[in-house]
């Protein structure tokens, strides 16, 4: 057996409005969102220190965006990491919307 036989899974956790990446069943990180109509507004992505440097953030965001597309929704990248990811992955450009002042105002109210 190779020592790199870890299982990595990305799950949408609707109750917490986030996608989580699990490594061998342990939560290693998350990307959080709020939904505004058909727009899924991503505002925060983090990977736990213990899992840093394993390339989990791009896996997490990629799977989250694939899920957004499958759900027929659009992406608003308030989170700087998601915005950077979208710049490098133009296959999601067709479902990405710009971050506007209205969206930011709405998000601030959502997050209290």
Protein backbone atom coordinates (compact mmCIF):
# COMPACT_ATOMS: atom_id res chain seq x y z
CA UNK A 1 0.00 0.00 0.00
CA UNK A 2 1.25 3.49 -0.77
CA UNK A 3 1.18 5.97 2.07
CA UNK A 4 -0.80 8.41 -0.09
CA UNK A 5 -3.95 6.29 -0.14
CA UNK A 6 -6.07 8.99 1.48
CA UNK A 7 -9.69 9.52 0.49
CA UNK A 8 -10.66 13.10 -0.36
CA UNK A 9 -14.34 13.98 -0.68
CA UNK A 10 -16.09 17.32 -1.24
CA UNK A 11 -19.62 17.60 0.17
CA UNK A 12 -22.20 20.40 0.07
CA UNK A 13 -23.55 20.97 3.58
CA UNK A 14 -26.77 22.88 2.95
CA UNK A 15 -27.57 23.41 6.63
CA UNK A 16 -24.29 25.30 7.11
CA UNK A 17 -24.31 26.83 3.60
CA UNK A 18 -20.86 25.63 2.72
CA UNK A 19 -18.89 23.00 0.90
CA UNK A 20 -16.49 20.95 2.99
CA UNK A 21 -13.48 18.93 1.90
CA UNK A 22 -12.93 15.77 3.94
CA UNK A 23 -9.67 13.85 4.06
CA UNK A 24 -10.21 10.34 5.38
CA UNK A 25 -13.48 11.51 6.93
CA UNK A 26 -11.92 14.49 8.73
CA UNK A 27 -12.92 18.02 7.71
CA UNK A 28 -9.85 19.66 6.22
CA UNK A 29 -11.41 22.87 4.93
CA UNK A 30 -14.47 24.67 3.65
CA UNK A 31 -15.75 27.31 1.29
CA UNK A 32 -18.77 29.23 2.58
CA UNK A 33 -21.59 30.78 0.55
CA UNK A 34 -24.96 32.46 0.69
CA UNK A 35 -27.55 32.21 -2.07
CA UNK A 36 -29.02 35.36 -3.63
CA UNK A 37 -31.65 34.17 -6.09
CA UNK A 38 -29.78 32.09 -8.68
CA UNK A 39 -26.43 33.46 -7.52
CA UNK A 40 -24.27 31.48 -5.11
CA UNK A 41 -22.10 34.10 -3.42
CA UNK A 42 -18.82 32.61 -2.14
CA UNK A 43 -17.29 34.76 0.60
CA UNK A 44 -14.78 32.66 2.55
CA UNK A 45 -12.49 29.69 1.85
CA UNK A 46 -10.13 28.10 4.36
CA UNK A 47 -7.99 24.99 4.69
CA UNK A 48 -6.99 23.88 8.19
CA UNK A 49 -3.29 24.34 9.04
CA UNK A 50 -2.78 20.59 9.45
CA UNK A 51 -3.78 20.08 5.80
CA UNK A 52 -1.99 23.07 4.26
CA UNK A 53 0.14 22.57 1.16
CA UNK A 54 -1.68 19.47 -0.09
CA UNK A 55 -3.51 21.18 -2.95
CA UNK A 56 -6.88 20.84 -1.23
CA UNK A 57 -8.14 24.40 -1.83
CA UNK A 58 -8.25 24.10 -5.64
CA UNK A 59 -9.91 20.67 -5.37
CA UNK A 60 -12.50 22.07 -2.98
CA UNK A 61 -13.31 25.12 -5.10
CA UNK A 62 -13.33 23.13 -8.37
CA UNK A 63 -15.85 20.64 -6.97
CA UNK A 64 -17.97 23.42 -5.46
CA UNK A 65 -18.13 25.25 -8.79
CA UNK A 66 -18.98 22.05 -10.66
CA UNK A 67 -21.85 21.59 -8.20
CA UNK A 68 -23.01 25.20 -8.71
CA UNK A 69 -23.11 24.58 -12.47
CA UNK A 70 -25.00 21.29 -11.98
CA UNK A 71 -27.52 23.15 -9.77
CA UNK A 72 -28.18 25.65 -12.58
CA UNK A 73 -26.86 28.51 -10.46
CA UNK A 74 -24.26 31.24 -11.00
CA UNK A 75 -21.07 32.12 -9.11
CA UNK A 76 -20.26 35.43 -7.44
CA UNK A 77 -16.64 35.31 -6.19
CA UNK A 78 -16.49 37.67 -3.21
CA UNK A 79 -13.87 35.35 -1.68
CA UNK A 80 -10.42 36.35 -3.03
CA UNK A 81 -9.38 32.71 -3.40
CA UNK A 82 -12.45 31.84 -5.49
CA UNK A 83 -11.88 34.97 -7.61
CA UNK A 84 -8.25 33.94 -8.21
CA UNK A 85 -9.36 30.39 -9.06
CA UNK A 86 -11.84 31.72 -11.64
CA UNK A 87 -9.09 33.78 -13.32
CA UNK A 88 -7.11 30.57 -13.86
CA UNK A 89 -10.09 28.40 -14.84
CA UNK A 90 -12.05 30.10 -17.59
CA UNK A 91 -14.26 27.02 -18.05
CA UNK A 92 -16.45 28.63 -15.35
CA UNK A 93 -16.49 32.11 -16.94
CA UNK A 94 -19.94 31.53 -18.46
CA UNK A 95 -21.55 31.15 -15.01
CA UNK A 96 -19.49 33.77 -13.13
CA UNK A 97 -21.02 37.14 -12.26
CA UNK A 98 -19.12 40.25 -11.15
CA UNK A 99 -19.05 41.28 -7.51
CA UNK A 100 -21.17 44.44 -7.24
CA UNK A 101 -21.70 46.96 -4.47
CA UNK A 102 -25.27 45.68 -4.12
CA UNK A 103 -24.09 42.11 -3.63
CA UNK A 104 -21.53 43.22 -1.03
CA UNK A 105 -24.17 45.26 0.82
CA UNK A 106 -26.55 42.27 0.75
CA UNK A 107 -23.84 39.87 1.94
CA UNK A 108 -22.88 42.16 4.83
CA UNK A 109 -26.51 42.18 5.97
CA UNK A 110 -26.67 38.37 5.65
CA UNK A 111 -23.59 37.86 7.76
CA UNK A 112 -24.66 40.43 10.33
